[in-house]
Amino acid sequence: MLAMLWLQKGNVQEAEKWGKIAWELLDDRGHLGITEKKMGFKLERMLGSIGRLGGNGEGKKWKK
């Protein structure tokens, strides 16, 4: 959530910082799959897939 808020405010550096922290926490708790680990951290991908908020994991909207 902090990464999304900072990105909304236009501060990409701060959004990246908090996104990486979230990524590490997800990994530490076993919430990242093999595919996610191989693809590595990318802010847009992570935010696009959080909570299935209409993203497809690439920061783009799902097509119905």
N, C-alpha and C. Protein backbone atom coordinates (compact mmCIF):
# COMPACT_ATOMS: atom_id res chain seq x y z
N MET A 1 0.82 -1.18 0.00
CA MET A 1 0.00 0.00 0.00
C MET A 1 0.87 1.26 0.00
N LEU A 2 1.95 1.24 0.76
CA LEU A 2 2.82 2.41 0.78
C LEU A 2 3.44 2.67 -0.59
N ALA A 3 3.82 1.61 -1.28
CA ALA A 3 4.38 1.77 -2.62
C ALA A 3 3.35 2.40 -3.55
N MET A 4 2.11 1.95 -3.47
CA MET A 4 1.06 2.51 -4.33
C MET A 4 0.82 3.98 -4.01
N LEU A 5 0.82 4.33 -2.73
CA LEU A 5 0.59 5.72 -2.34
C LEU A 5 1.72 6.63 -2.81
N TRP A 6 2.98 6.18 -2.65
CA TRP A 6 4.10 6.99 -3.11
C TRP A 6 4.09 7.14 -4.62
N LEU A 7 3.73 6.09 -5.32
CA LEU A 7 3.65 6.17 -6.77
C LEU A 7 2.56 7.16 -7.19
N GLN A 8 1.45 7.13 -6.49
CA GLN A 8 0.36 8.07 -6.76
C GLN A 8 0.81 9.52 -6.54
N LYS A 9 1.68 9.72 -5.55
CA LYS A 9 2.21 11.06 -5.27
C LYS A 9 3.30 11.48 -6.26
N GLY A 10 3.74 10.52 -7.09
CA GLY A 10 4.73 10.84 -8.09
C GLY A 10 6.18 10.61 -7.67
N ASN A 11 6.39 9.99 -6.51
CA ASN A 11 7.73 9.74 -6.02
C ASN A 11 8.09 8.27 -6.29
N VAL A 12 8.66 8.03 -7.47
CA VAL A 12 8.96 6.67 -7.91
C VAL A 12 10.05 6.04 -7.04
N GLN A 13 11.03 6.83 -6.65
CA GLN A 13 12.13 6.31 -5.82
C GLN A 13 11.60 5.75 -4.49
N GLU A 14 10.74 6.49 -3.84
CA GLU A 14 10.16 6.04 -2.57
C GLU A 14 9.23 4.84 -2.79
N ALA A 15 8.50 4.84 -3.91
CA ALA A 15 7.62 3.71 -4.24
C ALA A 15 8.45 2.45 -4.45
N GLU A 16 9.58 2.57 -5.15
CA GLU A 16 10.48 1.43 -5.37
C GLU A 16 11.00 0.90 -4.04
N LYS A 17 11.38 1.81 -3.15
CA LYS A 17 11.91 1.42 -1.84
C LYS A 17 10.89 0.56 -1.09
N TRP A 18 9.67 1.04 -0.99
CA TRP A 18 8.64 0.32 -0.24
C TRP A 18 8.17 -0.93 -0.98
N GLY A 19 8.19 -0.89 -2.30
CA GLY A 19 7.85 -2.07 -3.08
C GLY A 19 8.84 -3.20 -2.85
N LYS A 20 10.13 -2.87 -2.81
CA LYS A 20 11.16 -3.88 -2.57
C LYS A 20 11.04 -4.46 -1.16
N ILE A 21 10.71 -3.63 -0.20
CA ILE A 21 10.50 -4.12 1.17
C ILE A 21 9.34 -5.11 1.19
N ALA A 22 8.24 -4.76 0.52
CA ALA A 22 7.08 -5.65 0.46
C ALA A 22 7.45 -6.96 -0.23
N TRP A 23 8.22 -6.87 -1.34
CA TRP A 23 8.64 -8.06 -2.09
C TRP A 23 9.45 -9.00 -1.19
N GLU A 24 10.39 -8.43 -0.42
CA GLU A 24 11.21 -9.25 0.49
C GLU A 24 10.35 -9.90 1.57
N LEU A 25 9.39 -9.16 2.11
CA LEU A 25 8.50 -9.74 3.12
C LEU A 25 7.65 -10.87 2.54
N LEU A 26 7.14 -10.68 1.34
CA LEU A 26 6.35 -11.73 0.69
C LEU A 26 7.21 -12.98 0.47
N ASP A 27 8.45 -12.77 0.05
CA ASP A 27 9.36 -13.89 -0.18
C ASP A 27 9.68 -14.60 1.13
N ASP A 28 9.99 -13.84 2.17
CA ASP A 28 10.33 -14.42 3.47
C ASP A 28 9.20 -15.28 4.03
N ARG A 29 7.97 -14.91 3.73
CA ARG A 29 6.81 -15.63 4.26
C ARG A 29 6.28 -16.69 3.30
N GLY A 30 7.00 -16.91 2.19
CA GLY A 30 6.66 -17.98 1.27
C GLY A 30 5.49 -17.68 0.34
N HIS A 31 5.20 -16.41 0.11
CA HIS A 31 4.08 -16.03 -0.75
C HIS A 31 4.46 -15.81 -2.21
N LEU A 32 5.74 -15.94 -2.53
CA LEU A 32 6.17 -15.80 -3.92
C LEU A 32 6.40 -17.18 -4.50
N GLY A 33 5.90 -17.38 -5.69
CA GLY A 33 6.12 -18.64 -6.37
C GLY A 33 7.44 -18.64 -7.11
N ILE A 34 7.77 -19.77 -7.72
CA ILE A 34 9.02 -19.91 -8.46
C ILE A 34 9.07 -18.92 -9.61
N THR A 35 7.94 -18.76 -10.31
CA THR A 35 7.89 -17.84 -11.45
C THR A 35 8.20 -16.42 -11.02
N GLU A 36 7.58 -15.97 -9.93
CA GLU A 36 7.81 -14.61 -9.44
C GLU A 36 9.27 -14.40 -9.07
N LYS A 37 9.86 -15.41 -8.42
CA LYS A 37 11.26 -15.28 -8.02
C LYS A 37 12.17 -15.19 -9.24
N LYS A 38 11.89 -16.00 -10.27
CA LYS A 38 12.71 -15.98 -11.48
C LYS A 38 12.58 -14.64 -12.21
N MET A 39 11.36 -14.09 -12.24
CA MET A 39 11.14 -12.83 -12.93
C MET A 39 11.76 -11.66 -12.19
N GLY A 40 11.92 -11.79 -10.88
CA GLY A 40 12.52 -10.74 -10.08
C GLY A 40 11.56 -9.59 -9.81
N PHE A 41 12.03 -8.66 -9.02
CA PHE A 41 11.19 -7.54 -8.61
C PHE A 41 11.03 -6.53 -9.74
N LYS A 42 9.81 -6.16 -9.97
CA LYS A 42 9.48 -5.05 -10.86
C LYS A 42 8.25 -4.39 -10.26
N LEU A 43 8.36 -3.13 -9.91
CA LEU A 43 7.31 -2.43 -9.20
C LEU A 43 5.96 -2.54 -9.92
N GLU A 44 5.94 -2.29 -11.22
CA GLU A 44 4.68 -2.32 -11.96
C GLU A 44 4.04 -3.69 -11.93
N ARG A 45 4.84 -4.75 -12.05
CA ARG A 45 4.32 -6.11 -12.03
C ARG A 45 3.73 -6.42 -10.65
N MET A 46 4.47 -6.06 -9.61
CA MET A 46 4.00 -6.35 -8.27
C MET A 46 2.70 -5.61 -7.97
N LEU A 47 2.66 -4.32 -8.26
CA LEU A 47 1.47 -3.54 -7.97
C LEU A 47 0.30 -3.96 -8.84
N GLY A 48 0.58 -4.41 -10.05
CA GLY A 48 -0.47 -4.84 -10.95
C GLY A 48 -1.14 -6.13 -10.52
N SER A 49 -0.46 -6.91 -9.68
CA SER A 49 -1.03 -8.19 -9.29
C SER A 49 -1.43 -8.26 -7.82
N ILE A 50 -1.18 -7.23 -7.05
CA ILE A 50 -1.55 -7.25 -5.63
C ILE A 50 -3.05 -7.37 -5.48
N GLY A 51 -3.44 -8.37 -4.75
CA GLY A 51 -4.85 -8.54 -4.41
C GLY A 51 -5.77 -8.72 -5.61
N ARG A 52 -5.20 -9.02 -6.77
CA ARG A 52 -6.00 -9.21 -7.99
C ARG A 52 -6.90 -8.02 -8.23
N LEU A 53 -6.32 -6.84 -8.13
CA LEU A 53 -7.07 -5.59 -8.28
C LEU A 53 -7.29 -5.21 -9.74
N GLY A 54 -7.54 -6.18 -10.57
CA GLY A 54 -7.77 -5.90 -11.97
C GLY A 54 -6.51 -5.91 -12.80
N GLY A 55 -5.37 -6.22 -12.19
CA GLY A 55 -4.14 -6.27 -12.94
C GLY A 55 -3.84 -7.66 -13.46
N ASN A 56 -2.98 -7.74 -14.45
CA ASN A 56 -2.59 -9.04 -14.99
C ASN A 56 -1.15 -9.39 -14.63
N GLY A 57 -0.58 -8.68 -13.68
CA GLY A 57 0.79 -8.93 -13.27
C GLY A 57 1.81 -8.13 -14.06
N GLU A 58 1.38 -7.45 -15.08
CA GLU A 58 2.28 -6.59 -15.87
C GLU A 58 1.85 -5.14 -15.76
N GLY A 59 0.99 -4.84 -14.82
CA GLY A 59 0.54 -3.46 -14.64
C GLY A 59 -0.52 -3.06 -15.65
N LYS A 60 -1.08 -4.04 -16.35
CA LYS A 60 -2.12 -3.76 -17.35
C LYS A 60 -3.43 -4.36 -16.87
N LYS A 61 -4.51 -3.82 -17.33
CA LYS A 61 -5.84 -4.32 -16.95
C LYS A 61 -6.15 -5.63 -17.66
N TRP A 62 -6.91 -6.48 -16.96
CA TRP A 62 -7.38 -7.73 -17.55
C TRP A 62 -8.38 -7.42 -18.65
N LYS A 63 -8.34 -8.20 -19.69
CA LYS A 63 -9.36 -8.10 -20.73
C LYS A 63 -10.40 -9.18 -20.45
N LYS A 64 -11.65 -8.82 -20.56
CA LYS A 64 -12.73 -9.79 -20.31
C LYS A 64 -13.23 -10.37 -21.60
